[in-house]
């Protein structure tokens, strides 16, 4: 994660969702806009993609509608993400938070 810290990326996405919804978009549209805005990060980094999709899941549940494609993509990422590969990109604190967030997101999607 070259551009942002783990928490910064999460915070940016939460803020963007709130901003997009404040501009009149519903959660479906705001989620799509995040996917467009963060397309390069989603394409370039499995770790950033996982973080982005976990936040999209959390926001979807929070706002009462989780798109099926986001749910399915997140479940797939949670199944196949290699934490061993991600570990060197994260601090010890970030690694623990990621594992906790992955468990929490898995519970949300169950």
Protein backbone atom coordinates (compact mmCIF):
# COMPACT_ATOMS: atom_id res chain seq x y z
CA UNK A 1 0.00 0.00 0.00
CA UNK A 2 2.08 2.79 -1.34
CA UNK A 3 -0.35 5.69 -1.43
CA UNK A 4 -2.29 5.42 1.81
CA UNK A 5 -2.21 3.72 5.16
CA UNK A 6 -4.83 1.09 5.84
CA UNK A 7 -6.90 3.44 8.01
CA UNK A 8 -6.54 6.36 5.59
CA UNK A 9 -7.93 4.30 2.73
CA UNK A 10 -10.89 3.21 4.84
CA UNK A 11 -11.53 6.76 5.99
CA UNK A 12 -11.38 8.16 2.43
CA UNK A 13 -13.94 5.64 1.21
CA UNK A 14 -16.30 6.27 4.13
CA UNK A 15 -16.01 10.03 3.50
CA UNK A 16 -16.56 9.62 -0.24
CA UNK A 17 -19.72 7.54 0.35
CA UNK A 18 -21.08 10.21 2.69
CA UNK A 19 -20.18 12.97 0.22
CA UNK A 20 -21.75 11.16 -2.73
CA UNK A 21 -24.91 10.45 -0.76
CA UNK A 22 -24.96 14.07 0.39
CA UNK A 23 -24.93 15.00 -3.30
CA UNK A 24 -28.15 13.02 -3.76
CA UNK A 25 -26.92 9.57 -4.78
CA UNK A 26 -28.37 6.48 -3.13
CA UNK A 27 -26.06 3.80 -1.70
CA UNK A 28 -26.13 1.80 -4.95
CA UNK A 29 -25.01 4.80 -6.97
CA UNK A 30 -22.48 5.91 -4.35
CA UNK A 31 -20.96 2.41 -4.34
CA UNK A 32 -20.65 2.50 -8.13
CA UNK A 33 -19.01 5.89 -7.96
CA UNK A 34 -16.46 4.60 -5.44
CA UNK A 35 -15.69 1.71 -7.78
CA UNK A 36 -15.04 4.22 -10.57
CA UNK A 37 -13.05 6.65 -8.42
CA UNK A 38 -10.84 3.87 -7.03
CA UNK A 39 -10.65 1.77 -10.22
CA UNK A 40 -6.86 2.03 -10.46
CA UNK A 41 -6.37 0.91 -6.85
CA UNK A 42 -8.87 -1.92 -7.34
CA UNK A 43 -7.06 -3.04 -10.47
CA UNK A 44 -3.50 -2.63 -9.17
CA UNK A 45 -3.68 -4.04 -5.64
CA UNK A 46 -5.54 -7.04 -4.26
CA UNK A 47 -5.06 -5.66 -0.75
CA UNK A 48 -6.52 -2.26 -1.59
CA UNK A 49 -9.32 -3.96 -3.52
CA UNK A 50 -10.16 -6.03 -0.43
CA UNK A 51 -10.16 -2.96 1.82
CA UNK A 52 -12.34 -0.99 -0.61
CA UNK A 53 -14.85 -3.82 -0.97
CA UNK A 54 -15.02 -4.43 2.78
CA UNK A 55 -15.90 -0.75 3.29
CA UNK A 56 -18.48 -0.93 0.48
CA UNK A 57 -20.07 -3.92 2.25
CA UNK A 58 -20.12 -2.14 5.57
CA UNK A 59 -21.67 0.97 4.02
CA UNK A 60 -24.21 -1.07 2.06
CA UNK A 61 -25.37 -2.87 5.20
CA UNK A 62 -25.38 0.40 7.17
CA UNK A 63 -27.56 2.10 4.54
CA UNK A 64 -29.91 -0.84 4.06
CA UNK A 65 -28.85 -2.13 0.65
CA UNK A 66 -25.85 -4.24 -0.27
CA UNK A 67 -25.45 -4.84 -3.98
CA UNK A 68 -25.15 -8.53 -4.88
CA UNK A 69 -22.05 -7.96 -7.03
CA UNK A 70 -20.24 -6.23 -4.18
CA UNK A 71 -21.22 -8.98 -1.76
CA UNK A 72 -20.07 -11.72 -4.13
CA UNK A 73 -16.78 -9.97 -4.98
CA UNK A 74 -16.03 -9.39 -1.30
CA UNK A 75 -16.77 -13.00 -0.41
CA UNK A 76 -14.44 -14.13 -3.19
CA UNK A 77 -11.68 -11.78 -1.99
CA UNK A 78 -12.08 -12.95 1.60
CA UNK A 79 -11.75 -16.57 0.44
CA UNK A 80 -8.69 -16.13 -1.72
CA UNK A 81 -6.70 -13.23 -0.26
CA UNK A 82 -3.22 -14.29 0.76
CA UNK A 83 -2.50 -12.59 4.07
CA UNK A 84 1.08 -13.79 3.83
CA UNK A 85 1.45 -11.69 0.71
CA UNK A 86 -0.31 -8.73 2.33
CA UNK A 87 1.58 -8.87 5.61
CA UNK A 88 4.77 -7.16 4.37
CA UNK A 89 2.67 -4.24 3.10
CA UNK A 90 1.15 -3.62 6.53
CA UNK A 91 2.41 -2.65 9.94
CA UNK A 92 1.76 -5.05 12.82
CA UNK A 93 -1.15 -2.87 13.97
CA UNK A 94 -2.64 -2.71 10.47
CA UNK A 95 -2.28 -6.48 10.06
CA UNK A 96 -4.28 -7.09 13.25
CA UNK A 97 -6.93 -4.58 12.19
CA UNK A 98 -7.18 -6.19 8.74
CA UNK A 99 -7.73 -9.63 10.26
CA UNK A 100 -10.38 -8.23 12.62
CA UNK A 101 -12.07 -6.38 9.76
CA UNK A 102 -12.02 -9.48 7.57
CA UNK A 103 -13.69 -11.49 10.34
CA UNK A 104 -16.27 -8.75 10.93
CA UNK A 105 -17.03 -8.47 7.22
CA UNK A 106 -17.37 -12.26 6.92
CA UNK A 107 -19.91 -12.15 9.75
CA UNK A 108 -21.83 -9.35 8.02
CA UNK A 109 -22.05 -11.41 4.85
CA UNK A 110 -22.99 -14.71 6.48
